[in-house]
Amino acid sequence: MLEVLATCAFKPMNFILLFFYQFLIEHGPEENRGLVDQDLIFYIEVLRYQVG
């Protein structure tokens, strides 16, 4: 999964990650984790600085 996230740091998200992001948006609030989708985006942004 880390390789997929590192790839998405510099390229558009692939379908697997888009579906996972959609899942987080839909089910995050149900699990009382309302901002978990934003955490994923933040982690991808952090990878840009680590890889680059």
PDB file of N, CA and C in Angstrom:
ATOM      1  N   MET A   1       0.821  -1.194   0.000  1.00  0.00           N
ATOM      2  CA  MET A   1       0.000   0.000   0.000  1.00  0.00           C
ATOM      3  C   MET A   1       0.863   1.254   0.000  1.00  0.00           C
ATOM      4  N   LEU A   2       2.019   1.173   0.651  1.00  0.00           N
ATOM      5  CA  LEU A   2       2.907   2.332   0.692  1.00  0.00           C
ATOM      6  C   LEU A   2       3.401   2.701  -0.695  1.00  0.00           C
ATOM      7  N   GLU A   3       3.639   1.696  -1.542  1.00  0.00           N
ATOM      8  CA  GLU A   3       4.087   1.979  -2.907  1.00  0.00           C
ATOM      9  C   GLU A   3       2.997   2.696  -3.697  1.00  0.00           C
ATOM     10  N   VAL A   4       1.750   2.307  -3.483  1.00  0.00           N
ATOM     11  CA  VAL A   4       0.633   2.959  -4.171  1.00  0.00           C
ATOM     12  C   VAL A   4       0.539   4.419  -3.736  1.00  0.00           C
ATOM     13  N   LEU A   5       0.684   4.670  -2.451  1.00  0.00           N
ATOM     14  CA  LEU A   5       0.625   6.046  -1.958  1.00  0.00           C
ATOM     15  C   LEU A   5       1.799   6.869  -2.467  1.00  0.00           C
ATOM     16  N   ALA A   6       2.990   6.276  -2.505  1.00  0.00           N
ATOM     17  CA  ALA A   6       4.157   7.000  -3.009  1.00  0.00           C
ATOM     18  C   ALA A   6       4.000   7.323  -4.484  1.00  0.00           C
ATOM     19  N   THR A   7       3.399   6.422  -5.243  1.00  0.00           N
ATOM     20  CA  THR A   7       3.153   6.681  -6.658  1.00  0.00           C
ATOM     21  C   THR A   7       2.167   7.829  -6.820  1.00  0.00           C
ATOM     22  N   CYS A   8       1.176   7.884  -5.967  1.00  0.00           N
ATOM     23  CA  CYS A   8       0.159   8.934  -6.063  1.00  0.00           C
ATOM     24  C   CYS A   8       0.667  10.284  -5.581  1.00  0.00           C
ATOM     25  N   ALA A   9       1.839  10.311  -4.990  1.00  0.00           N
ATOM     26  CA  ALA A   9       2.391  11.588  -4.545  1.00  0.00           C
ATOM     27  C   ALA A   9       2.725  12.483  -5.728  1.00  0.00           C
ATOM     28  N   PHE A  10       3.062  11.876  -6.869  1.00  0.00           N
ATOM     29  CA  PHE A  10       3.467  12.658  -8.035  1.00  0.00           C
ATOM     30  C   PHE A  10       2.610  12.402  -9.266  1.00  0.00           C
ATOM     31  N   LYS A  11       1.687  11.469  -9.175  1.00  0.00           N
ATOM     32  CA  LYS A  11       0.797  11.149 -10.293  1.00  0.00           C
ATOM     33  C   LYS A  11      -0.642  11.178  -9.784  1.00  0.00           C
ATOM     34  N   PRO A  12      -1.606  11.238 -10.683  1.00  0.00           N
ATOM     35  CA  PRO A  12      -3.008  11.166 -10.229  1.00  0.00           C
ATOM     36  C   PRO A  12      -3.302   9.837  -9.526  1.00  0.00           C
ATOM     37  N   MET A  13      -4.284   9.858  -8.660  1.00  0.00           N
ATOM     38  CA  MET A  13      -4.663   8.641  -7.937  1.00  0.00           C
ATOM     39  C   MET A  13      -5.155   7.578  -8.906  1.00  0.00           C
ATOM     40  N   ASN A  14      -4.800   6.320  -8.619  1.00  0.00           N
ATOM     41  CA  ASN A  14      -5.336   5.229  -9.427  1.00  0.00           C
ATOM     42  C   ASN A  14      -6.708   4.829  -8.872  1.00  0.00           C
ATOM     43  N   PHE A  15      -7.367   3.921  -9.569  1.00  0.00           N
ATOM     44  CA  PHE A  15      -8.740   3.563  -9.192  1.00  0.00           C
ATOM     45  C   PHE A  15      -8.818   2.906  -7.822  1.00  0.00           C
ATOM     46  N   ILE A  16      -7.826   2.117  -7.475  1.00  0.00           N
ATOM     47  CA  ILE A  16      -7.853   1.451  -6.173  1.00  0.00           C
ATOM     48  C   ILE A  16      -7.857   2.488  -5.056  1.00  0.00           C
ATOM     49  N   LEU A  17      -6.979   3.467  -5.175  1.00  0.00           N
ATOM     50  CA  LEU A  17      -6.910   4.492  -4.139  1.00  0.00           C
ATOM     51  C   LEU A  17      -8.135   5.397  -4.162  1.00  0.00           C
ATOM     52  N   LEU A  18      -8.682   5.665  -5.333  1.00  0.00           N
ATOM     53  CA  LEU A  18      -9.909   6.464  -5.410  1.00  0.00           C
ATOM     54  C   LEU A  18     -11.083   5.759  -4.735  1.00  0.00           C
ATOM     55  N   PHE A  19     -11.198   4.454  -4.957  1.00  0.00           N
ATOM     56  CA  PHE A  19     -12.269   3.699  -4.298  1.00  0.00           C
ATOM     57  C   PHE A  19     -12.060   3.662  -2.789  1.00  0.00           C
ATOM     58  N   PHE A  20     -10.806   3.529  -2.365  1.00  0.00           N
ATOM     59  CA  PHE A  20     -10.511   3.536  -0.935  1.00  0.00           C
ATOM     60  C   PHE A  20     -10.841   4.898  -0.330  1.00  0.00           C
ATOM     61  N   TYR A  21     -10.501   5.972  -1.027  1.00  0.00           N
ATOM     62  CA  TYR A  21     -10.816   7.327  -0.570  1.00  0.00           C
ATOM     63  C   TYR A  21     -12.330   7.522  -0.467  1.00  0.00           C
ATOM     64  N   GLN A  22     -13.061   7.030  -1.457  1.00  0.00           N
ATOM     65  CA  GLN A  22     -14.520   7.114  -1.425  1.00  0.00           C
ATOM     66  C   GLN A  22     -15.075   6.323  -0.243  1.00  0.00           C
ATOM     67  N   PHE A  23     -14.500   5.157   0.017  1.00  0.00           N
ATOM     68  CA  PHE A  23     -14.914   4.355   1.159  1.00  0.00           C
ATOM     69  C   PHE A  23     -14.699   5.124   2.464  1.00  0.00           C
ATOM     70  N   LEU A  24     -13.549   5.787   2.585  1.00  0.00           N
ATOM     71  CA  LEU A  24     -13.270   6.554   3.799  1.00  0.00           C
ATOM     72  C   LEU A  24     -14.250   7.705   3.973  1.00  0.00           C
ATOM     73  N   ILE A  25     -14.598   8.359   2.874  1.00  0.00           N
ATOM     74  CA  ILE A  25     -15.555   9.465   2.944  1.00  0.00           C
ATOM     75  C   ILE A  25     -16.915   8.970   3.420  1.00  0.00           C
ATOM     76  N   GLU A  26     -17.344   7.825   2.897  1.00  0.00           N
ATOM     77  CA  GLU A  26     -18.676   7.311   3.232  1.00  0.00           C
ATOM     78  C   GLU A  26     -18.735   6.697   4.622  1.00  0.00           C
ATOM     79  N   HIS A  27     -17.704   5.960   5.012  1.00  0.00           N
ATOM     80  CA  HIS A  27     -17.782   5.182   6.243  1.00  0.00           C
ATOM     81  C   HIS A  27     -17.003   5.785   7.411  1.00  0.00           C
ATOM     82  N   GLY A  28     -16.205   6.805   7.162  1.00  0.00           N
ATOM     83  CA  GLY A  28     -15.473   7.443   8.253  1.00  0.00           C
ATOM     84  C   GLY A  28     -16.376   8.007   9.334  1.00  0.00           C
ATOM     85  N   PRO A  29     -17.381   8.802   8.964  1.00  0.00           N
ATOM     86  CA  PRO A  29     -18.281   9.339  10.002  1.00  0.00           C
ATOM     87  C   PRO A  29     -19.061   8.260  10.752  1.00  0.00           C
ATOM     88  N   GLU A  30     -19.361   7.158  10.085  1.00  0.00           N
ATOM     89  CA  GLU A  30     -20.081   6.066  10.751  1.00  0.00           C
ATOM     90  C   GLU A  30     -19.238   5.446  11.858  1.00  0.00           C
ATOM     91  N   GLU A  31     -17.918   5.477  11.684  1.00  0.00           N
ATOM     92  CA  GLU A  31     -17.005   4.899  12.673  1.00  0.00           C
ATOM     93  C   GLU A  31     -16.468   5.962  13.636  1.00  0.00           C
ATOM     94  N   ASN A  32     -17.090   7.143  13.642  1.00  0.00           N
ATOM     95  CA  ASN A  32     -16.646   8.281  14.461  1.00  0.00           C
ATOM     96  C   ASN A  32     -15.223   8.714  14.116  1.00  0.00           C
ATOM     97  N   ARG A  33     -14.880   8.625  12.849  1.00  0.00           N
ATOM     98  CA  ARG A  33     -13.591   9.090  12.337  1.00  0.00           C
ATOM     99  C   ARG A  33     -13.876  10.006  11.146  1.00  0.00           C
ATOM    100  N   GLY A  34     -14.444  11.138  11.426  1.00  0.00           N
ATOM    101  CA  GLY A  34     -14.941  12.025  10.386  1.00  0.00           C
ATOM    102  C   GLY A  34     -13.893  12.604   9.467  1.00  0.00           C
ATOM    103  N   LEU A  35     -12.654  12.704   9.910  1.00  0.00           N
ATOM    104  CA  LEU A  35     -11.617  13.330   9.095  1.00  0.00           C
ATOM    105  C   LEU A  35     -10.602  12.332   8.548  1.00  0.00           C
ATOM    106  N   VAL A  36     -10.913  11.070   8.568  1.00  0.00           N
ATOM    107  CA  VAL A  36      -9.944  10.066   8.133  1.00  0.00           C
ATOM    108  C   VAL A  36      -9.620  10.206   6.643  1.00  0.00           C
ATOM    109  N   ASP A  37     -10.560  10.681   5.840  1.00  0.00           N
ATOM    110  CA  ASP A  37     -10.286  10.888   4.416  1.00  0.00           C
ATOM    111  C   ASP A  37      -9.275  12.012   4.224  1.00  0.00           C
ATOM    112  N   GLN A  38      -9.336  13.045   5.049  1.00  0.00           N
ATOM    113  CA  GLN A  38      -8.369  14.131   4.961  1.00  0.00           C
ATOM    114  C   GLN A  38      -7.000  13.694   5.461  1.00  0.00           C
ATOM    115  N   ASP A  39      -6.975  12.735   6.383  1.00  0.00           N
ATOM    116  CA  ASP A  39      -5.703  12.184   6.838  1.00  0.00           C
ATOM    117  C   ASP A  39      -4.979  11.471   5.701  1.00  0.00           C
ATOM    118  N   LEU A  40      -5.725  10.789   4.852  1.00  0.00           N
ATOM    119  CA  LEU A  40      -5.122  10.112   3.702  1.00  0.00           C
ATOM    120  C   LEU A  40      -4.485  11.126   2.758  1.00  0.00           C
ATOM    121  N   ILE A  41      -5.176  12.206   2.468  1.00  0.00           N
ATOM    122  CA  ILE A  41      -4.639  13.243   1.590  1.00  0.00           C
ATOM    123  C   ILE A  41      -3.401  13.878   2.224  1.00  0.00           C
ATOM    124  N   PHE A  42      -3.447  14.121   3.519  1.00  0.00           N
ATOM    125  CA  PHE A  42      -2.292  14.686   4.214  1.00  0.00           C
ATOM    126  C   PHE A  42      -1.095  13.748   4.119  1.00  0.00           C
ATOM    127  N   TYR A  43      -1.315  12.459   4.294  1.00  0.00           N
ATOM    128  CA  TYR A  43      -0.227  11.489   4.229  1.00  0.00           C
ATOM    129  C   TYR A  43       0.400  11.469   2.839  1.00  0.00           C
ATOM    130  N   ILE A  44      -0.409  11.582   1.799  1.00  0.00           N
ATOM    131  CA  ILE A  44       0.126  11.638   0.437  1.00  0.00           C
ATOM    132  C   ILE A  44       0.960  12.904   0.258  1.00  0.00           C
ATOM    133  N   GLU A  45       0.505  14.018   0.813  1.00  0.00           N
ATOM    134  CA  GLU A  45       1.277  15.263   0.732  1.00  0.00           C
ATOM    135  C   GLU A  45       2.613  15.129   1.461  1.00  0.00           C
ATOM    136  N   VAL A  46       2.621  14.470   2.606  1.00  0.00           N
ATOM    137  CA  VAL A  46       3.865  14.252   3.344  1.00  0.00           C
ATOM    138  C   VAL A  46       4.824  13.407   2.519  1.00  0.00           C
ATOM    139  N   LEU A  47       4.307  12.409   1.821  1.00  0.00           N
ATOM    140  CA  LEU A  47       5.162  11.568   0.987  1.00  0.00           C
ATOM    141  C   LEU A  47       5.825  12.360  -0.131  1.00  0.00           C
ATOM    142  N   ARG A  48       5.190  13.397  -0.611  1.00  0.00           N
ATOM    143  CA  ARG A  48       5.813  14.238  -1.645  1.00  0.00           C
ATOM    144  C   ARG A  48       7.119  14.832  -1.147  1.00  0.00           C
ATOM    145  N   TYR A  49       7.134  15.247   0.092  1.00  0.00           N
ATOM    146  CA  TYR A  49       8.341  15.862   0.640  1.00  0.00           C
ATOM    147  C   TYR A  49       9.385  14.820   1.026  1.00  0.00           C
ATOM    148  N   GLN A  50       8.963  13.636   1.438  1.00  0.00           N
ATOM    149  CA  GLN A  50       9.917  12.590   1.790  1.00  0.00           C
ATOM    150  C   GLN A  50      10.581  12.010   0.554  1.00  0.00           C
ATOM    151  N   VAL A  51       9.802  11.758  -0.496  1.00  0.00           N
ATOM    152  CA  VAL A  51      10.333  11.148  -1.715  1.00  0.00           C
ATOM    153  C   VAL A  51      11.117  12.174  -2.513  1.00  0.00           C
ATOM    154  N   GLY A  52      10.587  13.397  -2.595  1.00  0.00           N
ATOM    155  CA  GLY A  52      11.202  14.440  -3.407  1.00  0.00           C
ATOM    156  C   GLY A  52      12.333  15.065  -2.709  1.00  0.00           C
TER     157      GLY A  52
END
